[in-house]
Amino acid sequence: MDKTIIRNWNERVKPDDLVFELGDFNFKNSAGGKKGEGTMTKAIDYEKRLNGKIIHIRGNHSCNNGCKTPIERMVIKFGGYRINLVHNPEHADLNYSINFCGHVHNAWKFKRVYKGLGHTDLINVGVDCWGFRPVSFEEIMKEYSRWIKRRAKNAQNIL
């Protein structure tokens, strides 16, 4: 699987591209850890094989992989949107209409979360949902737009 993800990454990411990685870059096992869980490879050893400049957001499995990123969340302004980047969707911020996240593997790709009178849309950018490859902002937003249209159409059908 590692070889496939590395190949897919380098086919899509150019050396000067900026990549936001939303946690659990690799799951490193430690000596004496559970057999079959994770790898003995450190994050830096994977990074050396990947194109692009990577900004890591800390995930729940990031503590042992060598990333040592202090970033727990980040807000970017891109394509006319302000987007909160966070690993775990439970840490989404309703002050932003869109939160990019990971953590949930392929449980869902898009999800609307309501809290009080507000809501936010969660977009799972984990590789499990996107063909085990990095995905561009444009690709994400194109598919997100389709999802929004389907939601609106389904809401009309209910009425």
Foldseek 3Di string as FASTA:
>chain_A
DLVVLLVQQQVPAAQAAEEEAAECLFQAADVVGDPPGTHPAAPVVSVVSGHHDYDYAYDPRNPPRPPPHPHQWDWDQPPNATEIEHADPVPDDQVGQEYEYADPQVPDQWDWDDDDPTIHIYGYQDCSNVVSYHDDPVVSVVVVVVVVVVVVVVVVVVD
